[in-house]
C-alpha atoms as a PDB file:
ATOM      1  CA  MET A   1      19.978   1.040 -44.827  1.00  0.00           C
ATOM      2  CA  ALA A   2      17.233  -1.029 -43.106  1.00  0.00           C
ATOM      3  CA  ILE A   3      19.750  -3.792 -42.421  1.00  0.00           C
ATOM      4  CA  GLN A   4      22.209  -1.287 -40.947  1.00  0.00           C
ATOM      5  CA  LEU A   5      19.549   0.248 -38.687  1.00  0.00           C
ATOM      6  CA  ASN A   6      18.423  -3.189 -37.500  1.00  0.00           C
ATOM      7  CA  HIS A   7      22.031  -4.103 -36.742  1.00  0.00           C
ATOM      8  CA  PHE A   8      22.519  -0.859 -34.810  1.00  0.00           C
ATOM      9  CA  GLN A   9      19.298  -1.371 -32.819  1.00  0.00           C
ATOM     10  CA  SER A  10      20.431  -4.886 -31.956  1.00  0.00           C
ATOM     11  CA  SER A  11      23.811  -3.567 -30.779  1.00  0.00           C
ATOM     12  CA  LEU A  12      22.138  -0.868 -28.685  1.00  0.00           C
ATOM     13  CA  LEU A  13      19.926  -3.448 -26.999  1.00  0.00           C
ATOM     14  CA  LYS A  14      23.023  -5.439 -26.092  1.00  0.00           C
ATOM     15  CA  GLN A  15      24.555  -2.232 -24.712  1.00  0.00           C
ATOM     16  CA  GLU A  16      21.457  -1.798 -22.503  1.00  0.00           C
ATOM     17  CA  LYS A  17      22.500  -4.949 -20.596  1.00  0.00           C
ATOM     18  CA  GLN A  18      25.705  -3.331 -19.381  1.00  0.00           C
ATOM     19  CA  PRO A  19      25.761  -1.741 -15.874  1.00  0.00           C
ATOM     20  CA  LYS A  20      24.279   1.742 -15.886  1.00  0.00           C
ATOM     21  CA  PRO A  21      24.282   4.611 -13.400  1.00  0.00           C
ATOM     22  CA  LEU A  22      21.687   4.132 -10.686  1.00  0.00           C
ATOM     23  CA  PHE A  23      20.055   7.511 -11.201  1.00  0.00           C
ATOM     24  CA  PHE A  24      18.939   9.356 -14.324  1.00  0.00           C
ATOM     25  CA  THR A  25      19.073  13.126 -14.487  1.00  0.00           C
ATOM     26  CA  SER A  26      18.063  15.765 -16.968  1.00  0.00           C
ATOM     27  CA  SER A  27      18.353  19.546 -17.229  1.00  0.00           C
ATOM     28  CA  LYS A  28      15.267  21.757 -17.112  1.00  0.00           C
ATOM     29  CA  THR A  29      15.726  24.526 -19.616  1.00  0.00           C
ATOM     30  CA  LYS A  30      14.127  27.504 -21.239  1.00  0.00           C
ATOM     31  CA  ASN A  31      12.689  27.281 -24.769  1.00  0.00           C
ATOM     32  CA  PHE A  32      11.311  23.771 -24.257  1.00  0.00           C
ATOM     33  CA  GLY A  33       9.502  23.822 -27.616  1.00  0.00           C
ATOM     34  CA  VAL A  34      12.688  24.788 -29.440  1.00  0.00           C
ATOM     35  CA  ASN A  35      14.656  22.120 -27.597  1.00  0.00           C
ATOM     36  CA  THR A  36      12.093  19.447 -28.457  1.00  0.00           C
ATOM     37  CA  ALA A  37      12.147  20.439 -32.124  1.00  0.00           C
ATOM     38  CA  ALA A  38      15.951  20.296 -32.187  1.00  0.00           C
ATOM     39  CA  SER A  39      15.892  16.871 -30.569  1.00  0.00           C
ATOM     40  CA  SER A  40      13.343  15.618 -33.108  1.00  0.00           C
ATOM     41  CA  SER A  41      15.422  17.019 -35.967  1.00  0.00           C
ATOM     42  CA  GLY A  42      18.527  15.341 -34.562  1.00  0.00           C
ATOM     43  CA  GLN A  43      16.703  12.024 -34.375  1.00  0.00           C
ATOM     44  CA  GLN A  44      15.643  12.381 -38.007  1.00  0.00           C
ATOM     45  CA  LEU A  45      19.241  13.065 -39.041  1.00  0.00           C
ATOM     46  CA  ILE A  46      20.365   9.897 -37.265  1.00  0.00           C
ATOM     47  CA  GLN A  47      17.580   7.775 -38.753  1.00  0.00           C
ATOM     48  CA  SER A  48      18.316   9.077 -42.255  1.00  0.00           C
ATOM     49  CA  GLY A  49      22.023   8.300 -41.929  1.00  0.00           C
ATOM     50  CA  GLU A  50      23.126  11.943 -42.157  1.00  0.00           C
ATOM     51  CA  VAL A  51      24.481  11.613 -38.608  1.00  0.00           C
ATOM     52  CA  LYS A  52      26.276   8.377 -37.702  1.00  0.00           C
ATOM     53  CA  PRO A  53      25.247   6.707 -34.427  1.00  0.00           C
ATOM     54  CA  ILE A  54      28.282   5.322 -32.601  1.00  0.00           C
ATOM     55  CA  LEU A  55      28.081   3.122 -29.523  1.00  0.00           C
ATOM     56  CA  PRO A  56      30.478   3.872 -26.646  1.00  0.00           C
ATOM     57  CA  LYS A  57      32.235   0.539 -27.212  1.00  0.00           C
ATOM     58  CA  ASP A  58      33.003   1.641 -30.786  1.00  0.00           C
ATOM     59  CA  ALA A  59      34.086   5.176 -29.904  1.00  0.00           C
ATOM     60  CA  ALA A  60      37.784   4.345 -29.616  1.00  0.00           C
ATOM     61  CA  THR A  61      37.805   2.999 -33.170  1.00  0.00           C
ATOM     62  CA  ALA A  62      35.998   6.114 -34.432  1.00  0.00           C
ATOM     63  CA  LEU A  63      38.469   8.408 -32.660  1.00  0.00           C
ATOM     64  CA  ASN A  64      41.681   6.508 -33.347  1.00  0.00           C
ATOM     65  CA  SER A  65      41.051   4.999 -36.790  1.00  0.00           C
ATOM     66  CA  GLU A  66      38.246   6.938 -38.480  1.00  0.00           C
ATOM     67  CA  GLY A  67      39.446  10.484 -37.773  1.00  0.00           C
ATOM     68  CA  PHE A  68      36.651  11.637 -35.458  1.00  0.00           C
ATOM     69  CA  LYS A  69      37.260  14.298 -32.806  1.00  0.00           C
ATOM     70  CA  LEU A  70      35.260  14.001 -29.584  1.00  0.00           C
ATOM     71  CA  LEU A  71      33.108  17.055 -28.810  1.00  0.00           C
ATOM     72  CA  ASP A  72      31.830  17.090 -25.223  1.00  0.00           C
ATOM     73  CA  ILE A  73      28.779  19.367 -25.052  1.00  0.00           C
ATOM     74  CA  ARG A  74      27.967  18.875 -21.352  1.00  0.00           C
ATOM     75  CA  PRO A  75      27.853  21.922 -19.060  1.00  0.00           C
ATOM     76  CA  GLN A  76      31.053  22.842 -17.265  1.00  0.00           C
ATOM     77  CA  TRP A  77      29.956  21.526 -13.837  1.00  0.00           C
ATOM     78  CA  GLU A  78      29.463  18.018 -15.292  1.00  0.00           C
ATOM     79  CA  ARG A  79      32.726  18.050 -17.233  1.00  0.00           C
ATOM     80  CA  GLU A  80      34.682  19.073 -14.130  1.00  0.00           C
ATOM     81  CA  LYS A  81      33.719  15.759 -12.516  1.00  0.00           C
ATOM     82  CA  ALA A  82      35.038  13.602 -15.366  1.00  0.00           C
ATOM     83  CA  TYR A  83      35.980  14.043 -19.009  1.00  0.00           C
ATOM     84  CA  VAL A  84      37.803  12.221 -21.784  1.00  0.00           C
ATOM     85  CA  LYS A  85      41.377  13.418 -22.083  1.00  0.00           C
ATOM     86  CA  GLY A  86      41.936  15.358 -25.310  1.00  0.00           C
ATOM     87  CA  SER A  87      38.241  15.964 -25.986  1.00  0.00           C
ATOM     88  CA  LEU A  88      36.959  19.323 -27.192  1.00  0.00           C
ATOM     89  CA  HIS A  89      34.445  21.149 -25.003  1.00  0.00           C
ATOM     90  CA  VAL A  90      31.683  23.557 -25.954  1.00  0.00           C
ATOM     91  CA  PRO A  91      28.583  23.455 -23.701  1.00  0.00           C
ATOM     92  CA  LEU A  92      25.179  23.321 -25.358  1.00  0.00           C
ATOM     93  CA  PHE A  93      23.545  24.488 -22.112  1.00  0.00           C
ATOM     94  CA  VAL A  94      24.799  27.209 -19.798  1.00  0.00           C
ATOM     95  CA  LYS A  95      23.633  28.414 -16.400  1.00  0.00           C
ATOM     96  CA  ASP A  96      20.752  30.878 -16.637  1.00  0.00           C
ATOM     97  CA  MET A  97      21.995  34.081 -14.987  1.00  0.00           C
ATOM     98  CA  ASP A  98      18.734  36.017 -15.446  1.00  0.00           C
ATOM     99  CA  ASN A  99      17.437  37.275 -12.098  1.00  0.00           C
ATOM    100  CA  SER A 100      14.110  38.716 -13.163  1.00  0.00           C
ATOM    101  CA  PRO A 101      11.171  37.887 -10.830  1.00  0.00           C
ATOM    102  CA  ILE A 102       9.685  35.314 -13.242  1.00  0.00           C
ATOM    103  CA  THR A 103      13.010  33.541 -13.719  1.00  0.00           C
ATOM    104  CA  LEU A 104      13.709  33.552  -9.986  1.00  0.00           C
ATOM    105  CA  LEU A 105      10.342  31.881  -9.429  1.00  0.00           C
ATOM    106  CA  LYS A 106      11.194  29.265 -12.051  1.00  0.00           C
ATOM    107  CA  LYS A 107      14.562  28.668 -10.389  1.00  0.00           C
ATOM    108  CA  TRP A 108      12.881  28.187  -7.010  1.00  0.00           C
ATOM    109  CA  VAL A 109      10.421  25.650  -8.438  1.00  0.00           C
ATOM    110  CA  HIS A 110      13.240  23.917 -10.326  1.00  0.00           C
ATOM    111  CA  PHE A 111      15.325  23.620  -7.156  1.00  0.00           C
ATOM    112  CA  GLY A 112      12.415  22.216  -5.178  1.00  0.00           C
ATOM    113  CA  TYR A 113      11.454  19.586  -7.729  1.00  0.00           C
ATOM    114  CA  ILE A 114      14.739  18.791  -9.491  1.00  0.00           C
ATOM    115  CA  GLY A 115      17.793  20.765  -8.393  1.00  0.00           C
ATOM    116  CA  LEU A 116      17.894  19.532  -4.792  1.00  0.00           C
ATOM    117  CA  TRP A 117      17.689  15.890  -5.879  1.00  0.00           C
ATOM    118  CA  THR A 118      19.885  15.929  -9.005  1.00  0.00           C
ATOM    119  CA  GLY A 119      22.194  18.884  -8.385  1.00  0.00           C
ATOM    120  CA  GLN A 120      21.363  20.244 -11.839  1.00  0.00           C
ATOM    121  CA  ASN A 121      21.442  24.007 -12.341  1.00  0.00           C
ATOM    122  CA  PHE A 122      18.649  25.913 -14.035  1.00  0.00           C
ATOM    123  CA  THR A 123      19.975  26.241 -17.562  1.00  0.00           C
ATOM    124  CA  MET A 124      19.343  27.810 -20.922  1.00  0.00           C
ATOM    125  CA  ILE A 125      20.513  27.031 -24.444  1.00  0.00           C
ATOM    126  CA  ASN A 126      23.941  28.495 -25.148  1.00  0.00           C
ATOM    127  CA  PRO A 127      23.054  31.174 -27.750  1.00  0.00           C
ATOM    128  CA  ASN A 128      26.613  31.095 -29.124  1.00  0.00           C
ATOM    129  CA  PHE A 129      26.985  27.319 -29.289  1.00  0.00           C
ATOM    130  CA  VAL A 130      27.657  26.979 -33.033  1.00  0.00           C
ATOM    131  CA  GLN A 131      29.889  30.056 -33.103  1.00  0.00           C
ATOM    132  CA  GLU A 132      31.971  28.673 -30.225  1.00  0.00           C
ATOM    133  CA  VAL A 133      32.348  25.350 -32.024  1.00  0.00           C
ATOM    134  CA  GLU A 134      33.432  27.249 -35.146  1.00  0.00           C
ATOM    135  CA  ALA A 135      36.057  29.087 -33.095  1.00  0.00           C
ATOM    136  CA  THR A 136      37.291  25.805 -31.627  1.00  0.00           C
ATOM    137  CA  LEU A 137      37.187  23.846 -34.885  1.00  0.00           C
ATOM    138  CA  PRO A 138      36.807  26.119 -37.950  1.00  0.00           C
ATOM    139  CA  ASP A 139      37.116  23.274 -40.490  1.00  0.00           C
ATOM    140  CA  LYS A 140      33.524  22.182 -41.075  1.00  0.00           C
ATOM    141  CA  ASP A 141      34.684  19.104 -42.978  1.00  0.00           C
ATOM    142  CA  SER A 142      36.089  17.741 -39.721  1.00  0.00           C
ATOM    143  CA  LYS A 143      34.534  14.603 -38.272  1.00  0.00           C
ATOM    144  CA  LEU A 144      32.908  15.345 -34.923  1.00  0.00           C
ATOM    145  CA  LEU A 145      31.642  12.728 -32.469  1.00  0.00           C
ATOM    146  CA  VAL A 146      29.164  14.672 -30.336  1.00  0.00           C
ATOM    147  CA  ALA A 147      28.645  13.419 -26.786  1.00  0.00           C
ATOM    148  CA  CYS A 148      26.843  14.212 -23.532  1.00  0.00           C
ATOM    149  CA  GLY A 149      25.731  12.249 -20.481  1.00  0.00           C
ATOM    150  CA  GLU A 150      22.585  10.512 -21.709  1.00  0.00           C
ATOM    151  CA  GLY A 151      22.519  11.189 -25.462  1.00  0.00           C
ATOM    152  CA  LEU A 152      19.555  13.577 -25.664  1.00  0.00           C
ATOM    153  CA  ARG A 153      21.470  16.852 -25.439  1.00  0.00           C
ATOM    154  CA  SER A 154      24.058  15.647 -27.945  1.00  0.00           C
ATOM    155  CA  MET A 155      21.221  14.704 -30.305  1.00  0.00           C
ATOM    156  CA  MET A 156      20.015  18.297 -30.115  1.00  0.00           C
ATOM    157  CA  ALA A 157      23.572  19.540 -30.653  1.00  0.00           C
ATOM    158  CA  THR A 158      23.988  17.495 -33.848  1.00  0.00           C
ATOM    159  CA  SER A 159      20.918  19.220 -35.282  1.00  0.00           C
ATOM    160  CA  LYS A 160      22.330  22.682 -34.559  1.00  0.00           C
ATOM    161  CA  LEU A 161      25.767  21.763 -35.891  1.00  0.00           C
ATOM    162  CA  TYR A 162      24.312  20.234 -39.046  1.00  0.00           C
ATOM    163  CA  GLU A 163      22.344  23.420 -39.689  1.00  0.00           C
ATOM    164  CA  GLY A 164      25.584  25.343 -39.067  1.00  0.00           C
ATOM    165  CA  GLY A 165      27.383  23.513 -41.870  1.00  0.00           C
ATOM    166  CA  TYR A 166      29.022  20.556 -40.090  1.00  0.00           C
ATOM    167  CA  LYS A 167      28.075  17.494 -42.147  1.00  0.00           C
ATOM    168  CA  ASN A 168      30.491  14.807 -40.898  1.00  0.00           C
ATOM    169  CA  LEU A 169      28.841  14.202 -37.554  1.00  0.00           C
ATOM    170  CA  GLY A 170      28.662  11.244 -35.223  1.00  0.00           C
ATOM    171  CA  TRP A 171      26.398  10.839 -32.192  1.00  0.00           C
ATOM    172  CA  LEU A 172      27.489   8.917 -29.093  1.00  0.00           C
ATOM    173  CA  ALA A 173      24.464   6.648 -28.647  1.00  0.00           C
ATOM    174  CA  GLY A 174      23.307   6.571 -25.044  1.00  0.00           C
ATOM    175  CA  GLY A 175      25.980   9.058 -23.975  1.00  0.00           C
ATOM    176  CA  PHE A 176      28.779   8.618 -21.480  1.00  0.00           C
ATOM    177  CA  ASN A 177      26.354   6.998 -19.023  1.00  0.00           C
ATOM    178  CA  ARG A 178      26.367   3.863 -21.196  1.00  0.00           C
ATOM    179  CA  ALA A 179      30.142   3.659 -21.412  1.00  0.00           C
ATOM    180  CA  ALA A 180      32.150   0.892 -19.794  1.00  0.00           C
ATOM    181  CA  ASP A 181      35.420   1.751 -18.061  1.00  0.00           C
ATOM    182  CA  SER A 182      37.376   0.336 -21.010  1.00  0.00           C
ATOM    183  CA  ASP A 183      35.550   2.374 -23.670  1.00  0.00           C
ATOM    184  CA  PHE A 184      37.375   5.610 -22.771  1.00  0.00           C
ATOM    185  CA  PRO A 185      40.549   4.561 -20.926  1.00  0.00           C
ATOM    186  CA  GLU A 186      42.011   8.065 -20.456  1.00  0.00           C
ATOM    187  CA  ILE A 187      39.680   9.942 -18.112  1.00  0.00           C
ATOM    188  CA  GLU A 188      40.488  13.124 -16.181  1.00  0.00           C
ATOM    189  CA  GLY A 189      38.601  14.245 -13.067  1.00  0.00           C
ATOM    190  CA  PRO A 190      37.655  12.926  -9.633  1.00  0.00           C
ATOM    191  CA  GLU A 191      34.580  10.880 -10.636  1.00  0.00           C
ATOM    192  CA  LYS A 192      33.813   8.000 -12.974  1.00  0.00           C
ATOM    193  CA  LEU A 193      32.694   9.213 -16.395  1.00  0.00           C
ATOM    194  CA  GLN A 194      29.440   7.251 -16.142  1.00  0.00           C
ATOM    195  CA  TYR A 195      28.407   9.089 -12.961  1.00  0.00           C
ATOM    196  CA  ALA A 196      29.344  12.663 -13.896  1.00  0.00           C
ATOM    197  CA  THR A 197      25.726  13.709 -14.521  1.00  0.00           C
ATOM    198  CA  ILE A 198      24.688  12.718 -10.999  1.00  0.00           C
ATOM    199  CA  GLY A 199      24.606  15.381  -8.294  1.00  0.00           C
ATOM    200  CA  GLY A 200      22.617  16.709  -5.365  1.00  0.00           C
ATOM    201  CA  VAL A 201      21.055  14.301  -2.884  1.00  0.00           C
ATOM    202  CA  SER A 202      21.105  11.488  -5.447  1.00  0.00           C
ATOM    203  CA  TYR A 203      24.919  11.685  -5.513  1.00  0.00           C
ATOM    204  CA  TYR A 204      25.116  10.774  -1.817  1.00  0.00           C
ATOM    205  CA  PHE A 205      22.652   7.927  -2.315  1.00  0.00           C
ATOM    206  CA  LEU A 206      24.865   6.678  -5.129  1.00  0.00           C
ATOM    207  CA  GLN A 207      27.979   6.825  -2.941  1.00  0.00           C
ATOM    208  CA  LEU A 208      26.156   4.931  -0.181  1.00  0.00           C
ATOM    209  CA  LEU A 209      25.010   2.216  -2.594  1.00  0.00           C
ATOM    210  CA  LEU A 210      28.503   1.852  -4.069  1.00  0.00           C
ATOM    211  CA  LEU A 211      29.897   1.540  -0.536  1.00  0.00           C
ATOM    212  CA  LEU A 212      27.343  -1.130   0.335  1.00  0.00           C
ATOM    213  CA  GLN A 213      28.168  -3.008  -2.866  1.00  0.00           C
ATOM    214  CA  ALA A 214      31.876  -2.903  -2.041  1.00  0.00           C
ATOM    215  CA  VAL A 215      31.258  -4.128   1.512  1.00  0.00           C
ATOM    216  CA  GLY A 216      29.047  -6.934   0.196  1.00  0.00           C
ATOM    217  CA  LYS A 217      31.860  -8.212  -2.000  1.00  0.00           C
ATOM    218  CA  GLU A 218      34.270  -8.503   0.933  1.00  0.00           C
END
């Protein structure tokens, strides 16, 4: 097991050298303590070998030869920008629709510090996440490769799914942001898969930088 983990860490370091999105985003959510615990539990499952870490460059083999189904757990507004054709979709986080005074204050602070820059909505854990996955894929012996933008949310999702009875789980290490164009050749949507988490003001900075890069190559 130690040899396998060392090999995986070495592969992940090599993956780090590949081009990455120019901006990193994250969702601010309710129940931070619960989310942190779920993330820690997911990490333990990966380290113990209960959940298989799969690099984006190896995802095609997992999907086409090993029987995995790709489960995209990103929120709807990220998936609309770009998604892998044929993937399943159940969001782990959903938009918080509570309009109580306290929540409205939190939303205002979130917009000022994060939402304006990243375009991320104020979200909450989807309370029906496992049940919605069960409705989409009732067979809990199925192999599921769980994926998100950066890898953190999908790590949390593997913990919830494991507790819900799904034992044949894979985790897309580093998320879609680490993927090369060739890793997932069939993409639907107007954006590149690697940039789907980017929004708000940072999105326009990204477009400007990509334009400048293209002009520089001419």
